[in-house]
Amino acid sequence: MSRKPELKGRAARLARLIPIGGGAGAARTPFVLLVVLLLGGGLIGLLVLNSALSEGAFKLDDLQRQTKSLTDEEQALQRDVDAYSAPDALQRRARELGMVPGGDPAFLNPDGTVKGVPSAAAEQSTASPAAVRPPEVLSPYPSGTPSPSSSPRAATASPPAPTTTAPSTPPARPSTTPGR
């Protein structure tokens, strides 16, 4: 009933370039399929990328936790080293081992002359002889826990050594200086 008007000139030329009829649906199918595949591939790629990032975040969290515990352990060990290397702790340990403070030193100059007057180390008084401690006392084990040398098997294998106990002094407190 309604008839298409006949096109003339430029419109007629353009109309010839556009196909008319059912052939347009067949040409559109590969394009739609390509778009769907690209979108699906993009979504799968994003899913894989998101999973990899999440896995990396979990590893990072574990590594940060491990770093924190190792840093805490390092600081505790550094406090122990500082406590053992404090002058009063060194002096106490030296006295426990029977050492005495040295006398005045003398120095030799390159030409062979002596600078200073040497003196002998102060002798230890006979009233308090050097406390010789057996290895069990100097062991790193606390007094409440048995050391490996005080096991029942070791006690039956060798006779106990004579012990001289010296008054125990508490260990030196670690430095409270920041950064140490």
C-alpha atoms as a PDB file:
ATOM      1  CA  MET A   1       0.000   0.000   0.000  1.00  0.00           C
ATOM      2  CA  SER A   2       2.615   2.454   0.828  1.00  0.00           C
ATOM      3  CA  ARG A   3       5.202   2.515  -1.704  1.00  0.00           C
ATOM      4  CA  LYS A   4       8.674   3.821  -1.142  1.00  0.00           C
ATOM      5  CA  PRO A   5       9.355   7.038  -2.926  1.00  0.00           C
ATOM      6  CA  GLU A   6      11.885   6.864  -5.628  1.00  0.00           C
ATOM      7  CA  LEU A   7      15.161   8.482  -4.707  1.00  0.00           C
ATOM      8  CA  LYS A   8      17.041  10.745  -7.036  1.00  0.00           C
ATOM      9  CA  GLY A   9      20.552  12.115  -7.204  1.00  0.00           C
ATOM     10  CA  ARG A  10      22.780  11.808  -4.212  1.00  0.00           C
ATOM     11  CA  ALA A  11      20.252   9.904  -2.115  1.00  0.00           C
ATOM     12  CA  ALA A  12      19.901   7.276  -4.862  1.00  0.00           C
ATOM     13  CA  ARG A  13      23.642   6.696  -4.945  1.00  0.00           C
ATOM     14  CA  LEU A  14      23.786   6.281  -1.163  1.00  0.00           C
ATOM     15  CA  ALA A  15      20.815   3.926  -1.183  1.00  0.00           C
ATOM     16  CA  ARG A  16      22.602   1.628  -3.595  1.00  0.00           C
ATOM     17  CA  LEU A  17      25.538   1.284  -1.149  1.00  0.00           C
ATOM     18  CA  ILE A  18      23.333   0.064   1.741  1.00  0.00           C
ATOM     19  CA  PRO A  19      22.081  -3.492   1.243  1.00  0.00           C
ATOM     20  CA  ILE A  20      18.378  -4.048   1.684  1.00  0.00           C
ATOM     21  CA  GLY A  21      16.820  -7.249   2.972  1.00  0.00           C
ATOM     22  CA  GLY A  22      17.663 -10.250   5.269  1.00  0.00           C
ATOM     23  CA  GLY A  23      21.375 -10.403   4.492  1.00  0.00           C
ATOM     24  CA  ALA A  24      22.188  -7.807   7.213  1.00  0.00           C
ATOM     25  CA  GLY A  25      21.510 -10.285  10.101  1.00  0.00           C
ATOM     26  CA  ALA A  26      24.093 -12.763   8.842  1.00  0.00           C
ATOM     27  CA  ALA A  27      26.838 -10.141   8.668  1.00  0.00           C
ATOM     28  CA  ARG A  28      26.052  -8.894  12.181  1.00  0.00           C
ATOM     29  CA  THR A  29      26.470 -12.323  13.916  1.00  0.00           C
ATOM     30  CA  PRO A  30      30.304 -12.576  13.753  1.00  0.00           C
ATOM     31  CA  PHE A  31      30.631  -9.022  15.068  1.00  0.00           C
ATOM     32  CA  VAL A  32      28.317  -9.684  18.021  1.00  0.00           C
ATOM     33  CA  LEU A  33      30.164 -12.941  18.737  1.00  0.00           C
ATOM     34  CA  LEU A  34      33.503 -11.126  18.624  1.00  0.00           C
ATOM     35  CA  VAL A  35      32.277  -8.434  21.057  1.00  0.00           C
ATOM     36  CA  VAL A  36      30.897 -11.064  23.482  1.00  0.00           C
ATOM     37  CA  LEU A  37      34.167 -13.030  23.377  1.00  0.00           C
ATOM     38  CA  LEU A  38      36.231  -9.882  23.985  1.00  0.00           C
ATOM     39  CA  LEU A  39      34.057  -8.871  26.945  1.00  0.00           C
ATOM     40  CA  GLY A  40      34.163 -12.402  28.420  1.00  0.00           C
ATOM     41  CA  GLY A  41      37.946 -12.588  27.971  1.00  0.00           C
ATOM     42  CA  GLY A  42      38.344  -9.189  29.604  1.00  0.00           C
ATOM     43  CA  LEU A  43      36.256 -10.254  32.606  1.00  0.00           C
ATOM     44  CA  ILE A  44      38.225 -13.487  33.021  1.00  0.00           C
ATOM     45  CA  GLY A  45      41.485 -11.527  32.733  1.00  0.00           C
ATOM     46  CA  LEU A  46      40.314  -9.104  35.439  1.00  0.00           C
ATOM     47  CA  LEU A  47      39.364 -12.032  37.682  1.00  0.00           C
ATOM     48  CA  VAL A  48      42.811 -13.621  37.295  1.00  0.00           C
ATOM     49  CA  LEU A  49      44.521 -10.270  37.910  1.00  0.00           C
ATOM     50  CA  ASN A  50      42.414  -9.641  41.020  1.00  0.00           C
ATOM     51  CA  SER A  51      43.258 -13.121  42.377  1.00  0.00           C
ATOM     52  CA  ALA A  52      46.982 -12.565  41.798  1.00  0.00           C
ATOM     53  CA  LEU A  53      46.848  -9.202  43.587  1.00  0.00           C
ATOM     54  CA  SER A  54      44.996 -10.733  46.538  1.00  0.00           C
ATOM     55  CA  GLU A  55      47.551 -13.538  46.796  1.00  0.00           C
ATOM     56  CA  GLY A  56      50.347 -10.957  46.740  1.00  0.00           C
ATOM     57  CA  ALA A  57      48.640  -8.977  49.496  1.00  0.00           C
ATOM     58  CA  PHE A  58      48.437 -12.089  51.699  1.00  0.00           C
ATOM     59  CA  LYS A  59      52.130 -12.849  51.105  1.00  0.00           C
ATOM     60  CA  LEU A  60      53.012  -9.242  51.900  1.00  0.00           C
ATOM     61  CA  ASP A  61      51.041  -9.417  55.145  1.00  0.00           C
ATOM     62  CA  ASP A  62      52.828 -12.651  56.158  1.00  0.00           C
ATOM     63  CA  LEU A  63      56.220 -11.155  55.331  1.00  0.00           C
ATOM     64  CA  GLN A  64      55.452  -8.000  57.307  1.00  0.00           C
ATOM     65  CA  ARG A  65      54.405 -10.105  60.307  1.00  0.00           C
ATOM     66  CA  GLN A  66      57.598 -12.177  60.024  1.00  0.00           C
ATOM     67  CA  THR A  67      59.705  -9.001  59.713  1.00  0.00           C
ATOM     68  CA  LYS A  68      58.087  -7.575  62.846  1.00  0.00           C
ATOM     69  CA  SER A  69      58.793 -10.728  64.872  1.00  0.00           C
ATOM     70  CA  LEU A  70      62.397 -10.866  63.641  1.00  0.00           C
ATOM     71  CA  THR A  71      62.869  -7.180  64.467  1.00  0.00           C
ATOM     72  CA  ASP A  72      61.515  -7.772  67.982  1.00  0.00           C
ATOM     73  CA  GLU A  73      63.905 -10.715  68.397  1.00  0.00           C
ATOM     74  CA  GLU A  74      66.833  -8.620  67.147  1.00  0.00           C
ATOM     75  CA  GLN A  75      66.004  -5.856  69.619  1.00  0.00           C
ATOM     76  CA  ALA A  76      65.794  -8.352  72.493  1.00  0.00           C
ATOM     77  CA  LEU A  77      69.185  -9.801  71.533  1.00  0.00           C
ATOM     78  CA  GLN A  78      70.665  -6.302  71.266  1.00  0.00           C
ATOM     79  CA  ARG A  79      69.370  -5.510  74.772  1.00  0.00           C
ATOM     80  CA  ASP A  80      71.075  -8.682  76.036  1.00  0.00           C
ATOM     81  CA  VAL A  81      74.341  -7.707  74.341  1.00  0.00           C
ATOM     82  CA  ASP A  82      74.100  -4.204  75.813  1.00  0.00           C
ATOM     83  CA  ALA A  83      73.448  -5.650  79.279  1.00  0.00           C
ATOM     84  CA  TYR A  84      76.406  -8.041  79.063  1.00  0.00           C
ATOM     85  CA  SER A  85      78.766  -5.392  77.696  1.00  0.00           C
ATOM     86  CA  ALA A  86      77.921  -2.744  80.308  1.00  0.00           C
ATOM     87  CA  PRO A  87      81.005  -1.789  82.371  1.00  0.00           C
ATOM     88  CA  ASP A  88      79.549  -2.950  85.701  1.00  0.00           C
ATOM     89  CA  ALA A  89      78.533  -6.317  84.209  1.00  0.00           C
ATOM     90  CA  LEU A  90      81.985  -6.784  82.694  1.00  0.00           C
ATOM     91  CA  GLN A  91      83.632  -5.913  86.000  1.00  0.00           C
ATOM     92  CA  ARG A  92      81.409  -8.346  87.904  1.00  0.00           C
ATOM     93  CA  ARG A  93      82.128 -11.178  85.446  1.00  0.00           C
ATOM     94  CA  ALA A  94      85.861 -10.444  85.563  1.00  0.00           C
ATOM     95  CA  ARG A  95      85.843 -10.656  89.358  1.00  0.00           C
ATOM     96  CA  GLU A  96      83.867 -13.913  89.177  1.00  0.00           C
ATOM     97  CA  LEU A  97      86.579 -15.321  86.916  1.00  0.00           C
ATOM     98  CA  GLY A  98      89.311 -14.240  89.357  1.00  0.00           C
ATOM     99  CA  MET A  99      90.640 -11.264  87.410  1.00  0.00           C
ATOM    100  CA  VAL A 100      91.932  -8.167  89.174  1.00  0.00           C
ATOM    101  CA  PRO A 101      92.261  -4.584  87.907  1.00  0.00           C
ATOM    102  CA  GLY A 102      95.589  -3.904  86.224  1.00  0.00           C
ATOM    103  CA  GLY A 103      98.187  -1.507  87.557  1.00  0.00           C
ATOM    104  CA  ASP A 104      99.502   1.609  85.904  1.00  0.00           C
ATOM    105  CA  PRO A 105     100.710   0.859  82.382  1.00  0.00           C
ATOM    106  CA  ALA A 106     104.084   1.754  80.941  1.00  0.00           C
ATOM    107  CA  PHE A 107     104.639   2.530  77.280  1.00  0.00           C
ATOM    108  CA  LEU A 108     107.685   2.031  75.090  1.00  0.00           C
ATOM    109  CA  ASN A 109     108.578   4.829  72.729  1.00  0.00           C
ATOM    110  CA  PRO A 110     109.970   3.972  69.273  1.00  0.00           C
ATOM    111  CA  ASP A 111     113.453   4.957  70.425  1.00  0.00           C
ATOM    112  CA  GLY A 112     113.327   2.389  73.265  1.00  0.00           C
ATOM    113  CA  THR A 113     112.705   4.711  76.202  1.00  0.00           C
ATOM    114  CA  VAL A 114     110.044   3.854  78.755  1.00  0.00           C
ATOM    115  CA  LYS A 115     107.243   6.338  79.334  1.00  0.00           C
ATOM    116  CA  GLY A 116     105.427   6.021  82.660  1.00  0.00           C
ATOM    117  CA  VAL A 117     106.130   3.944  85.745  1.00  0.00           C
ATOM    118  CA  PRO A 118     104.821   0.397  85.577  1.00  0.00           C
ATOM    119  CA  SER A 119     103.228  -1.112  88.636  1.00  0.00           C
ATOM    120  CA  ALA A 120     101.953  -4.576  89.414  1.00  0.00           C
ATOM    121  CA  ALA A 121      98.282  -5.404  89.541  1.00  0.00           C
ATOM    122  CA  ALA A 122      96.679  -5.180  92.956  1.00  0.00           C
ATOM    123  CA  GLU A 123      96.747  -8.553  94.623  1.00  0.00           C
ATOM    124  CA  GLN A 124      93.485 -10.128  95.611  1.00  0.00           C
ATOM    125  CA  SER A 125      92.937 -10.244  99.351  1.00  0.00           C
ATOM    126  CA  THR A 126      93.227 -13.661 100.970  1.00  0.00           C
ATOM    127  CA  ALA A 127      90.009 -13.057 102.906  1.00  0.00           C
ATOM    128  CA  SER A 128      87.911 -13.460  99.737  1.00  0.00           C
ATOM    129  CA  PRO A 129      89.611 -15.952  97.422  1.00  0.00           C
ATOM    130  CA  ALA A 130      88.563 -16.139  93.776  1.00  0.00           C
ATOM    131  CA  ALA A 131      85.289 -17.941  93.473  1.00  0.00           C
ATOM    132  CA  VAL A 132      85.848 -20.921  91.225  1.00  0.00           C
ATOM    133  CA  ARG A 133      82.526 -21.978  89.854  1.00  0.00           C
ATOM    134  CA  PRO A 134      81.811 -25.308  88.228  1.00  0.00           C
ATOM    135  CA  PRO A 135      80.368 -25.309  84.711  1.00  0.00           C
ATOM    136  CA  GLU A 136      76.845 -26.012  86.027  1.00  0.00           C
ATOM    137  CA  VAL A 137      76.746 -22.622  87.735  1.00  0.00           C
ATOM    138  CA  LEU A 138      77.944 -20.750  84.653  1.00  0.00           C
ATOM    139  CA  SER A 139      75.567 -22.553  82.307  1.00  0.00           C
ATOM    140  CA  PRO A 140      72.920 -20.518  80.446  1.00  0.00           C
ATOM    141  CA  TYR A 141      70.121 -22.524  82.042  1.00  0.00           C
ATOM    142  CA  PRO A 142      68.099 -20.869  84.819  1.00  0.00           C
ATOM    143  CA  SER A 143      68.607 -22.316  88.284  1.00  0.00           C
ATOM    144  CA  GLY A 144      65.148 -23.949  88.281  1.00  0.00           C
ATOM    145  CA  THR A 145      65.745 -26.032  85.134  1.00  0.00           C
ATOM    146  CA  PRO A 146      68.278 -28.840  84.987  1.00  0.00           C
ATOM    147  CA  SER A 147      71.300 -28.399  82.761  1.00  0.00           C
ATOM    148  CA  PRO A 148      72.363 -31.268  80.528  1.00  0.00           C
ATOM    149  CA  SER A 149      75.368 -31.994  82.781  1.00  0.00           C
ATOM    150  CA  SER A 150      73.131 -32.379  85.853  1.00  0.00           C
ATOM    151  CA  SER A 151      71.022 -35.156  84.353  1.00  0.00           C
ATOM    152  CA  PRO A 152      70.818 -38.421  86.324  1.00  0.00           C
ATOM    153  CA  ARG A 153      72.957 -40.233  83.754  1.00  0.00           C
ATOM    154  CA  ALA A 154      75.746 -37.635  84.040  1.00  0.00           C
ATOM    155  CA  ALA A 155      75.570 -37.726  87.845  1.00  0.00           C
ATOM    156  CA  THR A 156      76.209 -41.466  87.959  1.00  0.00           C
ATOM    157  CA  ALA A 157      79.021 -41.321  85.405  1.00  0.00           C
ATOM    158  CA  SER A 158      81.307 -38.915  87.313  1.00  0.00           C
ATOM    159  CA  PRO A 159      81.593 -37.770  90.918  1.00  0.00           C
ATOM    160  CA  PRO A 160      80.280 -34.282  91.658  1.00  0.00           C
ATOM    161  CA  ALA A 161      82.841 -31.505  91.601  1.00  0.00           C
ATOM    162  CA  PRO A 162      83.431 -29.451  94.753  1.00  0.00           C
ATOM    163  CA  THR A 163      81.565 -26.188  94.541  1.00  0.00           C
ATOM    164  CA  THR A 164      82.217 -22.829  96.053  1.00  0.00           C
ATOM    165  CA  THR A 165      79.248 -20.547  95.724  1.00  0.00           C
ATOM    166  CA  ALA A 166      79.651 -16.828  95.548  1.00  0.00           C
ATOM    167  CA  PRO A 167      76.809 -14.442  96.302  1.00  0.00           C
ATOM    168  CA  SER A 168      74.782 -14.093  93.156  1.00  0.00           C
ATOM    169  CA  THR A 169      74.097 -10.632  91.814  1.00  0.00           C
ATOM    170  CA  PRO A 170      71.202  -9.798  89.517  1.00  0.00           C
ATOM    171  CA  PRO A 171      72.146  -9.191  85.862  1.00  0.00           C
ATOM    172  CA  ALA A 172      72.686  -5.620  84.794  1.00  0.00           C
ATOM    173  CA  ARG A 173      69.627  -3.811  83.491  1.00  0.00           C
ATOM    174  CA  PRO A 174      69.641  -3.004  79.775  1.00  0.00           C
ATOM    175  CA  SER A 175      70.207   0.544  78.678  1.00  0.00           C
ATOM    176  CA  THR A 176      67.120   2.726  78.546  1.00  0.00           C
ATOM    177  CA  THR A 177      68.714   5.061  76.003  1.00  0.00           C
ATOM    178  CA  PRO A 178      66.540   5.278  72.862  1.00  0.00           C
ATOM    179  CA  GLY A 179      68.086   3.607  69.842  1.00  0.00           C
ATOM    180  CA  ARG A 180      70.174   1.183  71.853  1.00  0.00           C
END
